[in-house]
């Protein structure tokens, strides 16, 4: 993908009101901004829709806007393009990748799939279009358990790329899916020792965790769920304090929804106080403004790959609608 030379180096007047300019460009160009919960607060506040992977895929499928600007990571923008091949899909920073998607190279996964010829393939949406094209059904953390339980008990399944989510689903469903050895850097570096100390310091706080976390972390959780499920849980829970084990971006929506409650980000096993995804945080208001103004970087996909990757995504959306998700 070739970008206009010097495009990302274009200077922005520091006096410019980026919120006002972005809203103007959205209306002028019939554009919509879809943002993941893990984006910075300013991006969440300028977005037309904020959600987790399932909600974002559903929103991308039904949008009537001519331009989709995806404030997230590369595989999310790919999903939007797959569902809208005739629309222009912009991504503020092409370097916004995903450690989980990177952990599953297509050539190695194709060989892995060949070694299990009697298995169907369910892949977590956090993967590349090439992996989606090798799959039978896509899932998200919101619908994975429902999708697996909808299949016959004796159906053999490969689950990729997240081994932690796969292990959680196996435990929840009693299955024995074959798991690809992939993981998310954000959810794998939570410290059990630091979490235990944090709980001692905040004995009334509930521990809530994303199922991409390792099993020893999940054993301490009072509630486990997708990003949206975690947010909804904090709204209905009578607890006033929560220790949150997922990317810190979600805390913005939790605090907005429940200003009377306290949300404590769980610390990773390094010197940081909280756990941010470096890929998600590559997106900024400045980059969103530039992308909308110049309509670059645009995501372009091979038509054959797009069509192959679309089939398992549509299957997921069909099943999600059936389950009422």
C-alpha atoms as a PDB file:
ATOM      1  CA  UNK A   1       0.000   0.000   0.000  1.00  0.00           C
ATOM      2  CA  UNK A   2       1.618   3.275  -1.136  1.00  0.00           C
ATOM      3  CA  UNK A   3       0.936   6.461   0.773  1.00  0.00           C
ATOM      4  CA  UNK A   4       1.258   9.996  -0.513  1.00  0.00           C
ATOM      5  CA  UNK A   5       4.795  11.100   0.394  1.00  0.00           C
ATOM      6  CA  UNK A   6       4.944  13.228   3.502  1.00  0.00           C
ATOM      7  CA  UNK A   7       1.260  12.582   4.211  1.00  0.00           C
ATOM      8  CA  UNK A   8       1.670  11.673   7.880  1.00  0.00           C
ATOM      9  CA  UNK A   9       4.122  14.531   8.429  1.00  0.00           C
ATOM     10  CA  UNK A  10       1.607  17.224   7.498  1.00  0.00           C
ATOM     11  CA  UNK A  11       1.584  19.911  10.174  1.00  0.00           C
ATOM     12  CA  UNK A  12      -1.570  20.788  12.067  1.00  0.00           C
ATOM     13  CA  UNK A  13      -2.227  24.268  13.400  1.00  0.00           C
ATOM     14  CA  UNK A  14      -2.072  23.844  17.199  1.00  0.00           C
ATOM     15  CA  UNK A  15      -4.933  26.331  17.541  1.00  0.00           C
ATOM     16  CA  UNK A  16      -7.231  24.093  15.484  1.00  0.00           C
ATOM     17  CA  UNK A  17     -10.248  22.687  17.340  1.00  0.00           C
ATOM     18  CA  UNK A  18      -9.881  19.050  16.284  1.00  0.00           C
ATOM     19  CA  UNK A  19     -13.292  18.021  17.623  1.00  0.00           C
ATOM     20  CA  UNK A  20     -14.973  20.729  15.549  1.00  0.00           C
ATOM     21  CA  UNK A  21     -12.904  19.977  12.437  1.00  0.00           C
ATOM     22  CA  UNK A  22     -13.447  16.222  12.624  1.00  0.00           C
ATOM     23  CA  UNK A  23     -17.208  16.676  13.051  1.00  0.00           C
ATOM     24  CA  UNK A  24     -17.223  19.032  10.057  1.00  0.00           C
ATOM     25  CA  UNK A  25     -15.308  16.535   7.895  1.00  0.00           C
ATOM     26  CA  UNK A  26     -17.593  13.667   8.933  1.00  0.00           C
ATOM     27  CA  UNK A  27     -20.654  15.570   7.751  1.00  0.00           C
ATOM     28  CA  UNK A  28     -19.004  16.889   4.599  1.00  0.00           C
ATOM     29  CA  UNK A  29     -17.740  13.485   3.492  1.00  0.00           C
ATOM     30  CA  UNK A  30     -20.590  11.295   4.829  1.00  0.00           C
ATOM     31  CA  UNK A  31     -18.111   9.488   7.057  1.00  0.00           C
ATOM     32  CA  UNK A  32     -18.592   7.481  10.229  1.00  0.00           C
ATOM     33  CA  UNK A  33     -16.002   6.887  12.960  1.00  0.00           C
ATOM     34  CA  UNK A  34     -16.090   3.455  14.570  1.00  0.00           C
ATOM     35  CA  UNK A  35     -13.913   3.153  17.670  1.00  0.00           C
ATOM     36  CA  UNK A  36     -12.946   0.311  19.962  1.00  0.00           C
ATOM     37  CA  UNK A  37     -13.259   0.661  23.726  1.00  0.00           C
ATOM     38  CA  UNK A  38      -9.454   0.529  23.975  1.00  0.00           C
ATOM     39  CA  UNK A  39      -8.966   3.890  22.263  1.00  0.00           C
ATOM     40  CA  UNK A  40      -8.015   7.037  24.159  1.00  0.00           C
ATOM     41  CA  UNK A  41     -10.856   8.956  25.793  1.00  0.00           C
ATOM     42  CA  UNK A  42     -10.819  11.791  23.221  1.00  0.00           C
ATOM     43  CA  UNK A  43     -11.241   9.332  20.356  1.00  0.00           C
ATOM     44  CA  UNK A  44     -14.083   7.570  22.133  1.00  0.00           C
ATOM     45  CA  UNK A  45     -15.790  10.922  22.643  1.00  0.00           C
ATOM     46  CA  UNK A  46     -15.544  11.895  18.952  1.00  0.00           C
ATOM     47  CA  UNK A  47     -16.645   8.468  17.658  1.00  0.00           C
ATOM     48  CA  UNK A  48     -20.103   7.760  16.235  1.00  0.00           C
ATOM     49  CA  UNK A  49     -20.061   4.259  17.674  1.00  0.00           C
ATOM     50  CA  UNK A  50     -17.932   2.700  20.416  1.00  0.00           C
ATOM     51  CA  UNK A  51     -17.907  -1.028  21.022  1.00  0.00           C
ATOM     52  CA  UNK A  52     -16.117  -4.336  21.217  1.00  0.00           C
ATOM     53  CA  UNK A  53     -15.326  -6.510  18.217  1.00  0.00           C
ATOM     54  CA  UNK A  54     -18.826  -7.989  17.833  1.00  0.00           C
ATOM     55  CA  UNK A  55     -20.600  -4.650  18.137  1.00  0.00           C
ATOM     56  CA  UNK A  56     -18.166  -3.007  15.748  1.00  0.00           C
ATOM     57  CA  UNK A  57     -18.636  -5.751  13.155  1.00  0.00           C
ATOM     58  CA  UNK A  58     -22.421  -5.443  13.449  1.00  0.00           C
ATOM     59  CA  UNK A  59     -22.233  -1.649  13.137  1.00  0.00           C
ATOM     60  CA  UNK A  60     -19.893  -1.890  10.141  1.00  0.00           C
ATOM     61  CA  UNK A  61     -22.330  -4.249   8.424  1.00  0.00           C
ATOM     62  CA  UNK A  62     -25.272  -1.855   8.664  1.00  0.00           C
ATOM     63  CA  UNK A  63     -23.681   1.570   8.170  1.00  0.00           C
ATOM     64  CA  UNK A  64     -24.914   3.685   5.263  1.00  0.00           C
ATOM     65  CA  UNK A  65     -21.929   6.053   5.368  1.00  0.00           C
ATOM     66  CA  UNK A  66     -19.696   6.241   2.303  1.00  0.00           C
ATOM     67  CA  UNK A  67     -16.488   6.385   4.360  1.00  0.00           C
ATOM     68  CA  UNK A  68     -15.670   4.308   7.435  1.00  0.00           C
ATOM     69  CA  UNK A  69     -12.817   5.529   9.594  1.00  0.00           C
ATOM     70  CA  UNK A  70     -11.832   2.740  11.956  1.00  0.00           C
ATOM     71  CA  UNK A  71     -10.135   3.823  15.165  1.00  0.00           C
ATOM     72  CA  UNK A  72      -8.817   0.488  16.300  1.00  0.00           C
ATOM     73  CA  UNK A  73      -6.271  -1.951  14.919  1.00  0.00           C
ATOM     74  CA  UNK A  74      -5.655  -3.348  11.452  1.00  0.00           C
ATOM     75  CA  UNK A  75      -7.728  -6.549  11.655  1.00  0.00           C
ATOM     76  CA  UNK A  76     -10.762  -4.499  12.761  1.00  0.00           C
ATOM     77  CA  UNK A  77     -10.478  -2.210   9.750  1.00  0.00           C
ATOM     78  CA  UNK A  78     -10.109  -5.319   7.576  1.00  0.00           C
ATOM     79  CA  UNK A  79     -13.368  -6.683   8.966  1.00  0.00           C
ATOM     80  CA  UNK A  80     -15.124  -3.422   8.140  1.00  0.00           C
ATOM     81  CA  UNK A  81     -13.754  -3.539   4.584  1.00  0.00           C
ATOM     82  CA  UNK A  82     -14.742  -7.190   4.163  1.00  0.00           C
ATOM     83  CA  UNK A  83     -18.308  -6.309   5.114  1.00  0.00           C
ATOM     84  CA  UNK A  84     -18.266  -3.150   2.957  1.00  0.00           C
ATOM     85  CA  UNK A  85     -16.170  -3.889  -0.150  1.00  0.00           C
ATOM     86  CA  UNK A  86     -17.561  -0.881  -2.020  1.00  0.00           C
ATOM     87  CA  UNK A  87     -16.959   1.653   0.754  1.00  0.00           C
ATOM     88  CA  UNK A  88     -13.766   3.520   1.533  1.00  0.00           C
ATOM     89  CA  UNK A  89     -12.237   2.286   4.806  1.00  0.00           C
ATOM     90  CA  UNK A  90      -9.623   4.480   6.472  1.00  0.00           C
ATOM     91  CA  UNK A  91      -7.282   3.569   9.313  1.00  0.00           C
ATOM     92  CA  UNK A  92      -5.463   6.418  11.112  1.00  0.00           C
ATOM     93  CA  UNK A  93      -2.183   4.520  11.511  1.00  0.00           C
ATOM     94  CA  UNK A  94      -1.194   1.520   9.384  1.00  0.00           C
ATOM     95  CA  UNK A  95       1.200   0.396  12.115  1.00  0.00           C
ATOM     96  CA  UNK A  96      -1.688  -0.267  14.500  1.00  0.00           C
ATOM     97  CA  UNK A  97      -1.373  -4.037  14.416  1.00  0.00           C
ATOM     98  CA  UNK A  98      -2.187  -6.759  16.944  1.00  0.00           C
ATOM     99  CA  UNK A  99       0.139  -9.104  18.825  1.00  0.00           C
ATOM    100  CA  UNK A 100      -2.537 -11.803  18.850  1.00  0.00           C
ATOM    101  CA  UNK A 101      -3.072 -11.615  15.091  1.00  0.00           C
ATOM    102  CA  UNK A 102       0.700 -11.665  14.592  1.00  0.00           C
ATOM    103  CA  UNK A 103       0.962 -14.864  16.663  1.00  0.00           C
ATOM    104  CA  UNK A 104      -0.834 -16.849  13.955  1.00  0.00           C
ATOM    105  CA  UNK A 105       1.049 -16.792  10.611  1.00  0.00           C
ATOM    106  CA  UNK A 106      -1.206 -17.995   7.752  1.00  0.00           C
ATOM    107  CA  UNK A 107       1.262 -20.555   6.319  1.00  0.00           C
ATOM    108  CA  UNK A 108       1.835 -22.223   9.692  1.00  0.00           C
ATOM    109  CA  UNK A 109      -1.866 -22.204  10.485  1.00  0.00           C
ATOM    110  CA  UNK A 110      -2.726 -23.750   7.109  1.00  0.00           C
ATOM    111  CA  UNK A 111      -0.343 -26.624   7.922  1.00  0.00           C
ATOM    112  CA  UNK A 112      -1.849 -26.933  11.409  1.00  0.00           C
ATOM    113  CA  UNK A 113      -5.322 -27.132   9.896  1.00  0.00           C
ATOM    114  CA  UNK A 114      -4.157 -29.783   7.419  1.00  0.00           C
ATOM    115  CA  UNK A 115      -2.959 -31.918  10.356  1.00  0.00           C
ATOM    116  CA  UNK A 116      -6.538 -31.947  11.727  1.00  0.00           C
ATOM    117  CA  UNK A 117      -8.636 -32.716   8.627  1.00  0.00           C
ATOM    118  CA  UNK A 118     -11.766 -33.771  10.547  1.00  0.00           C
ATOM    119  CA  UNK A 119     -11.977 -30.546  12.573  1.00  0.00           C
ATOM    120  CA  UNK A 120     -13.926 -27.405  11.800  1.00  0.00           C
ATOM    121  CA  UNK A 121     -12.129 -24.125  12.425  1.00  0.00           C
ATOM    122  CA  UNK A 122     -13.472 -21.453  14.759  1.00  0.00           C
ATOM    123  CA  UNK A 123     -11.247 -18.412  14.906  1.00  0.00           C
ATOM    124  CA  UNK A 124     -11.373 -15.418  17.169  1.00  0.00           C
ATOM    125  CA  UNK A 125     -11.964 -12.220  15.195  1.00  0.00           C
ATOM    126  CA  UNK A 126      -8.560 -10.946  16.414  1.00  0.00           C
ATOM    127  CA  UNK A 127      -6.779 -12.431  13.400  1.00  0.00           C
ATOM    128  CA  UNK A 128      -5.788 -11.473   9.862  1.00  0.00           C
ATOM    129  CA  UNK A 129      -8.032 -11.774   6.822  1.00  0.00           C
ATOM    130  CA  UNK A 130      -5.836 -14.664   5.645  1.00  0.00           C
ATOM    131  CA  UNK A 131      -6.675 -16.617   8.816  1.00  0.00           C
ATOM    132  CA  UNK A 132     -10.361 -15.743   8.499  1.00  0.00           C
ATOM    133  CA  UNK A 133     -10.283 -17.163   4.964  1.00  0.00           C
ATOM    134  CA  UNK A 134      -9.051 -20.478   6.415  1.00  0.00           C
ATOM    135  CA  UNK A 135     -11.901 -20.568   8.942  1.00  0.00           C
ATOM    136  CA  UNK A 136     -15.416 -21.961   9.084  1.00  0.00           C
ATOM    137  CA  UNK A 137     -16.813 -19.579  11.709  1.00  0.00           C
ATOM    138  CA  UNK A 138     -15.479 -16.392  13.263  1.00  0.00           C
ATOM    139  CA  UNK A 139     -16.280 -15.582  16.884  1.00  0.00           C
ATOM    140  CA  UNK A 140     -15.703 -12.820  19.413  1.00  0.00           C
ATOM    141  CA  UNK A 141     -15.391 -13.003  23.177  1.00  0.00           C
ATOM    142  CA  UNK A 142     -19.063 -11.945  23.319  1.00  0.00           C
ATOM    143  CA  UNK A 143     -20.402 -14.886  21.325  1.00  0.00           C
ATOM    144  CA  UNK A 144     -17.700 -17.588  21.430  1.00  0.00           C
ATOM    145  CA  UNK A 145     -19.358 -19.774  24.080  1.00  0.00           C
ATOM    146  CA  UNK A 146     -22.727 -19.559  22.308  1.00  0.00           C
ATOM    147  CA  UNK A 147     -21.195 -20.515  18.965  1.00  0.00           C
ATOM    148  CA  UNK A 148     -19.263 -23.485  20.355  1.00  0.00           C
ATOM    149  CA  UNK A 149     -22.299 -24.754  22.278  1.00  0.00           C
ATOM    150  CA  UNK A 150     -24.422 -24.541  19.107  1.00  0.00           C
ATOM    151  CA  UNK A 151     -22.305 -27.274  17.521  1.00  0.00           C
ATOM    152  CA  UNK A 152     -22.785 -31.001  18.072  1.00  0.00           C
ATOM    153  CA  UNK A 153     -20.980 -32.314  21.166  1.00  0.00           C
ATOM    154  CA  UNK A 154     -18.942 -34.742  19.089  1.00  0.00           C
ATOM    155  CA  UNK A 155     -17.858 -32.102  16.565  1.00  0.00           C
ATOM    156  CA  UNK A 156     -14.079 -31.748  16.601  1.00  0.00           C
ATOM    157  CA  UNK A 157     -12.948 -28.130  16.662  1.00  0.00           C
ATOM    158  CA  UNK A 158      -9.748 -26.171  16.123  1.00  0.00           C
ATOM    159  CA  UNK A 159      -9.812 -22.877  18.012  1.00  0.00           C
ATOM    160  CA  UNK A 160      -7.396 -20.092  17.115  1.00  0.00           C
ATOM    161  CA  UNK A 161      -5.514 -17.932  17.698  1.00  0.00           C
ATOM    162  CA  UNK A 162      -5.969 -17.204  21.440  1.00  0.00           C
ATOM    163  CA  UNK A 163      -5.094 -20.180  23.661  1.00  0.00           C
ATOM    164  CA  UNK A 164      -6.329 -18.419  26.814  1.00  0.00           C
ATOM    165  CA  UNK A 165      -9.763 -17.659  25.400  1.00  0.00           C
ATOM    166  CA  UNK A 166      -9.854 -21.185  23.971  1.00  0.00           C
ATOM    167  CA  UNK A 167      -9.001 -22.708  27.359  1.00  0.00           C
ATOM    168  CA  UNK A 168     -11.718 -20.607  29.001  1.00  0.00           C
ATOM    169  CA  UNK A 169     -14.281 -21.793  26.426  1.00  0.00           C
ATOM    170  CA  UNK A 170     -13.196 -25.419  26.919  1.00  0.00           C
ATOM    171  CA  UNK A 171     -13.746 -25.039  30.650  1.00  0.00           C
ATOM    172  CA  UNK A 172     -17.140 -23.359  30.202  1.00  0.00           C
ATOM    173  CA  UNK A 173     -18.453 -25.832  27.647  1.00  0.00           C
ATOM    174  CA  UNK A 174     -16.722 -29.063  28.638  1.00  0.00           C
ATOM    175  CA  UNK A 175     -15.193 -29.320  25.170  1.00  0.00           C
ATOM    176  CA  UNK A 176     -11.705 -30.373  24.221  1.00  0.00           C
ATOM    177  CA  UNK A 177     -10.994 -28.041  21.327  1.00  0.00           C
ATOM    178  CA  UNK A 178      -7.542 -28.162  19.770  1.00  0.00           C
ATOM    179  CA  UNK A 179      -5.958 -24.801  20.597  1.00  0.00           C
ATOM    180  CA  UNK A 180      -3.519 -22.757  18.556  1.00  0.00           C
ATOM    181  CA  UNK A 181      -0.677 -21.410  20.705  1.00  0.00           C
ATOM    182  CA  UNK A 182      -1.345 -17.676  20.401  1.00  0.00           C
ATOM    183  CA  UNK A 183      -1.994 -14.926  22.932  1.00  0.00           C
ATOM    184  CA  UNK A 184      -2.527 -11.198  23.449  1.00  0.00           C
ATOM    185  CA  UNK A 185       0.399  -9.260  24.907  1.00  0.00           C
ATOM    186  CA  UNK A 186      -1.967  -6.976  26.836  1.00  0.00           C
ATOM    187  CA  UNK A 187      -3.857  -9.741  28.609  1.00  0.00           C
ATOM    188  CA  UNK A 188      -0.904 -12.051  29.228  1.00  0.00           C
ATOM    189  CA  UNK A 189       1.215  -9.701  31.302  1.00  0.00           C
ATOM    190  CA  UNK A 190      -1.061  -9.169  34.289  1.00  0.00           C
ATOM    191  CA  UNK A 191       0.805  -9.981  37.482  1.00  0.00           C
ATOM    192  CA  UNK A 192      -0.794 -12.502  39.842  1.00  0.00           C
ATOM    193  CA  UNK A 193       1.370 -11.250  42.697  1.00  0.00           C
ATOM    194  CA  UNK A 194       0.460  -7.605  42.098  1.00  0.00           C
ATOM    195  CA  UNK A 195      -3.213  -8.488  41.634  1.00  0.00           C
ATOM    196  CA  UNK A 196      -3.245 -10.339  44.964  1.00  0.00           C
ATOM    197  CA  UNK A 197      -1.664  -7.346  46.726  1.00  0.00           C
ATOM    198  CA  UNK A 198      -4.121  -4.981  45.031  1.00  0.00           C
ATOM    199  CA  UNK A 199      -7.040  -7.074  46.263  1.00  0.00           C
ATOM    200  CA  UNK A 200      -5.651  -7.026  49.823  1.00  0.00           C
ATOM    201  CA  UNK A 201      -5.402  -3.231  49.594  1.00  0.00           C
ATOM    202  CA  UNK A 202      -8.960  -2.993  48.203  1.00  0.00           C
ATOM    203  CA  UNK A 203     -10.861  -5.860  49.903  1.00  0.00           C
ATOM    204  CA  UNK A 204     -14.296  -4.607  48.804  1.00  0.00           C
ATOM    205  CA  UNK A 205     -13.387  -4.389  45.131  1.00  0.00           C
ATOM    206  CA  UNK A 206     -14.699  -6.969  42.696  1.00  0.00           C
ATOM    207  CA  UNK A 207     -12.183  -8.413  40.253  1.00  0.00           C
ATOM    208  CA  UNK A 208     -13.497  -8.416  36.683  1.00  0.00           C
ATOM    209  CA  UNK A 209     -11.479  -9.922  33.831  1.00  0.00           C
ATOM    210  CA  UNK A 210     -11.457 -10.484  30.089  1.00  0.00           C
ATOM    211  CA  UNK A 211     -11.248 -14.174  29.074  1.00  0.00           C
ATOM    212  CA  UNK A 212      -8.028 -13.502  27.131  1.00  0.00           C
ATOM    213  CA  UNK A 213      -6.280 -13.411  30.531  1.00  0.00           C
ATOM    214  CA  UNK A 214      -4.355 -16.460  31.727  1.00  0.00           C
ATOM    215  CA  UNK A 215      -6.222 -19.104  33.739  1.00  0.00           C
ATOM    216  CA  UNK A 216      -4.465 -18.346  37.048  1.00  0.00           C
ATOM    217  CA  UNK A 217      -5.706 -14.744  36.768  1.00  0.00           C
ATOM    218  CA  UNK A 218      -9.223 -15.804  35.805  1.00  0.00           C
ATOM    219  CA  UNK A 219      -9.450 -18.031  38.888  1.00  0.00           C
ATOM    220  CA  UNK A 220      -9.412 -14.900  41.048  1.00  0.00           C
ATOM    221  CA  UNK A 221     -12.099 -13.100  39.043  1.00  0.00           C
ATOM    222  CA  UNK A 222     -15.579 -12.428  40.373  1.00  0.00           C
ATOM    223  CA  UNK A 223     -16.812 -11.908  36.817  1.00  0.00           C
ATOM    224  CA  UNK A 224     -15.357 -12.869  33.426  1.00  0.00           C
ATOM    225  CA  UNK A 225     -16.615 -11.440  30.160  1.00  0.00           C
ATOM    226  CA  UNK A 226     -16.045  -9.569  26.932  1.00  0.00           C
ATOM    227  CA  UNK A 227     -15.291  -5.863  27.062  1.00  0.00           C
ATOM    228  CA  UNK A 228     -18.974  -5.004  26.634  1.00  0.00           C
ATOM    229  CA  UNK A 229     -19.965  -7.629  29.206  1.00  0.00           C
ATOM    230  CA  UNK A 230     -17.509  -6.134  31.707  1.00  0.00           C
ATOM    231  CA  UNK A 231     -18.937  -2.670  31.128  1.00  0.00           C
ATOM    232  CA  UNK A 232     -22.513  -3.877  31.533  1.00  0.00           C
ATOM    233  CA  UNK A 233     -21.620  -5.816  34.662  1.00  0.00           C
ATOM    234  CA  UNK A 234     -20.246  -2.714  36.373  1.00  0.00           C
ATOM    235  CA  UNK A 235     -23.515  -0.922  35.634  1.00  0.00           C
ATOM    236  CA  UNK A 236     -25.731  -3.543  37.252  1.00  0.00           C
ATOM    237  CA  UNK A 237     -23.463  -4.635  40.106  1.00  0.00           C
ATOM    238  CA  UNK A 238     -24.122  -3.209  43.568  1.00  0.00           C
ATOM    239  CA  UNK A 239     -20.381  -3.064  44.199  1.00  0.00           C
ATOM    240  CA  UNK A 240     -18.755   0.362  44.311  1.00  0.00           C
ATOM    241  CA  UNK A 241     -15.181  -0.704  43.502  1.00  0.00           C
ATOM    242  CA  UNK A 242     -13.752  -2.806  40.692  1.00  0.00           C
ATOM    243  CA  UNK A 243     -10.294  -4.070  39.798  1.00  0.00           C
ATOM    244  CA  UNK A 244     -10.330  -4.242  36.003  1.00  0.00           C
ATOM    245  CA  UNK A 245      -8.239  -6.775  34.085  1.00  0.00           C
ATOM    246  CA  UNK A 246      -8.300  -5.658  30.486  1.00  0.00           C
ATOM    247  CA  UNK A 247      -6.939  -2.756  28.424  1.00  0.00           C
ATOM    248  CA  UNK A 248      -7.355   0.519  30.287  1.00  0.00           C
ATOM    249  CA  UNK A 249      -9.349   2.273  27.547  1.00  0.00           C
ATOM    250  CA  UNK A 250     -12.561   0.697  28.828  1.00  0.00           C
ATOM    251  CA  UNK A 251     -12.248   2.579  32.124  1.00  0.00           C
ATOM    252  CA  UNK A 252     -13.335   5.779  30.364  1.00  0.00           C
ATOM    253  CA  UNK A 253     -16.752   4.306  29.519  1.00  0.00           C
ATOM    254  CA  UNK A 254     -17.054   2.652  32.933  1.00  0.00           C
ATOM    255  CA  UNK A 255     -16.407   5.970  34.684  1.00  0.00           C
ATOM    256  CA  UNK A 256     -18.843   7.802  32.399  1.00  0.00           C
ATOM    257  CA  UNK A 257     -21.557   5.208  33.024  1.00  0.00           C
ATOM    258  CA  UNK A 258     -20.967   4.953  36.779  1.00  0.00           C
ATOM    259  CA  UNK A 259     -19.373   8.185  38.067  1.00  0.00           C
ATOM    260  CA  UNK A 260     -20.085   7.149  41.651  1.00  0.00           C
ATOM    261  CA  UNK A 261     -17.975   3.990  41.360  1.00  0.00           C
ATOM    262  CA  UNK A 262     -14.207   3.432  41.513  1.00  0.00           C
ATOM    263  CA  UNK A 263     -12.333   1.556  38.786  1.00  0.00           C
ATOM    264  CA  UNK A 264      -8.790   0.375  39.444  1.00  0.00           C
ATOM    265  CA  UNK A 265      -6.657  -0.813  36.498  1.00  0.00           C
ATOM    266  CA  UNK A 266      -4.851  -4.059  37.308  1.00  0.00           C
ATOM    267  CA  UNK A 267      -1.060  -3.717  37.007  1.00  0.00           C
ATOM    268  CA  UNK A 268       1.069  -5.742  34.571  1.00  0.00           C
ATOM    269  CA  UNK A 269       4.272  -7.556  35.519  1.00  0.00           C
ATOM    270  CA  UNK A 270       6.477  -4.609  34.554  1.00  0.00           C
ATOM    271  CA  UNK A 271       7.034  -1.137  35.958  1.00  0.00           C
ATOM    272  CA  UNK A 272       3.877   0.343  34.452  1.00  0.00           C
ATOM    273  CA  UNK A 273       0.945   1.264  36.675  1.00  0.00           C
ATOM    274  CA  UNK A 274      -1.630   0.106  34.126  1.00  0.00           C
ATOM    275  CA  UNK A 275      -1.920  -1.978  30.987  1.00  0.00           C
ATOM    276  CA  UNK A 276      -2.222  -0.176  27.640  1.00  0.00           C
ATOM    277  CA  UNK A 277      -2.160  -1.713  24.161  1.00  0.00           C
ATOM    278  CA  UNK A 278       0.657   0.069  22.308  1.00  0.00           C
ATOM    279  CA  UNK A 279      -1.014  -0.682  18.968  1.00  0.00           C
ATOM    280  CA  UNK A 280      -4.403   0.757  19.942  1.00  0.00           C
ATOM    281  CA  UNK A 281      -2.751   3.848  21.365  1.00  0.00           C
ATOM    282  CA  UNK A 282      -1.038   4.658  18.038  1.00  0.00           C
ATOM    283  CA  UNK A 283      -4.295   6.283  16.961  1.00  0.00           C
ATOM    284  CA  UNK A 284      -4.680   9.966  17.879  1.00  0.00           C
ATOM    285  CA  UNK A 285      -7.118  12.790  17.179  1.00  0.00           C
ATOM    286  CA  UNK A 286      -4.499  14.391  14.935  1.00  0.00           C
ATOM    287  CA  UNK A 287      -4.169  11.232  12.825  1.00  0.00           C
ATOM    288  CA  UNK A 288      -7.959  10.894  12.595  1.00  0.00           C
ATOM    289  CA  UNK A 289      -8.239  14.491  11.372  1.00  0.00           C
ATOM    290  CA  UNK A 290      -5.513  13.960   8.736  1.00  0.00           C
ATOM    291  CA  UNK A 291      -7.022  10.650   7.599  1.00  0.00           C
ATOM    292  CA  UNK A 292     -10.453  12.227   7.116  1.00  0.00           C
ATOM    293  CA  UNK A 293      -9.093  15.345   5.410  1.00  0.00           C
ATOM    294  CA  UNK A 294      -6.923  13.490   2.873  1.00  0.00           C
ATOM    295  CA  UNK A 295      -8.856  10.178   2.887  1.00  0.00           C
ATOM    296  CA  UNK A 296      -5.642   8.259   3.534  1.00  0.00           C
ATOM    297  CA  UNK A 297      -4.392   5.737   4.565  1.00  0.00           C
ATOM    298  CA  UNK A 298      -7.079   3.737   2.796  1.00  0.00           C
ATOM    299  CA  UNK A 299      -7.314  -0.002   3.358  1.00  0.00           C
ATOM    300  CA  UNK A 300      -7.207  -1.910   0.058  1.00  0.00           C
ATOM    301  CA  UNK A 301      -7.802  -5.669  -0.039  1.00  0.00           C
ATOM    302  CA  UNK A 302      -7.484  -8.411  -2.624  1.00  0.00           C
ATOM    303  CA  UNK A 303     -10.998  -9.235  -3.859  1.00  0.00           C
ATOM    304  CA  UNK A 304     -10.571 -13.018  -3.672  1.00  0.00           C
ATOM    305  CA  UNK A 305      -9.229 -12.858  -0.116  1.00  0.00           C
ATOM    306  CA  UNK A 306     -12.016 -10.489   0.862  1.00  0.00           C
ATOM    307  CA  UNK A 307     -14.709 -12.850  -0.441  1.00  0.00           C
ATOM    308  CA  UNK A 308     -13.194 -15.905   1.270  1.00  0.00           C
ATOM    309  CA  UNK A 309     -12.821 -14.086   4.582  1.00  0.00           C
ATOM    310  CA  UNK A 310     -16.378 -12.786   4.381  1.00  0.00           C
ATOM    311  CA  UNK A 311     -18.059 -16.216   4.562  1.00  0.00           C
ATOM    312  CA  UNK A 312     -17.121 -17.111   8.178  1.00  0.00           C
ATOM    313  CA  UNK A 313     -17.796 -13.537   9.344  1.00  0.00           C
ATOM    314  CA  UNK A 314     -21.312 -13.647   7.903  1.00  0.00           C
ATOM    315  CA  UNK A 315     -21.798 -17.014   9.587  1.00  0.00           C
ATOM    316  CA  UNK A 316     -20.848 -15.415  12.914  1.00  0.00           C
ATOM    317  CA  UNK A 317     -23.225 -12.497  12.407  1.00  0.00           C
ATOM    318  CA  UNK A 318     -26.020 -14.888  11.416  1.00  0.00           C
ATOM    319  CA  UNK A 319     -25.506 -16.979  14.560  1.00  0.00           C
ATOM    320  CA  UNK A 320     -25.202 -13.895  16.771  1.00  0.00           C
ATOM    321  CA  UNK A 321     -28.557 -12.629  15.500  1.00  0.00           C
ATOM    322  CA  UNK A 322     -30.046 -16.073  16.163  1.00  0.00           C
ATOM    323  CA  UNK A 323     -28.722 -15.985  19.749  1.00  0.00           C
ATOM    324  CA  UNK A 324     -30.017 -12.445  20.254  1.00  0.00           C
ATOM    325  CA  UNK A 325     -26.513 -11.026  20.716  1.00  0.00           C
END
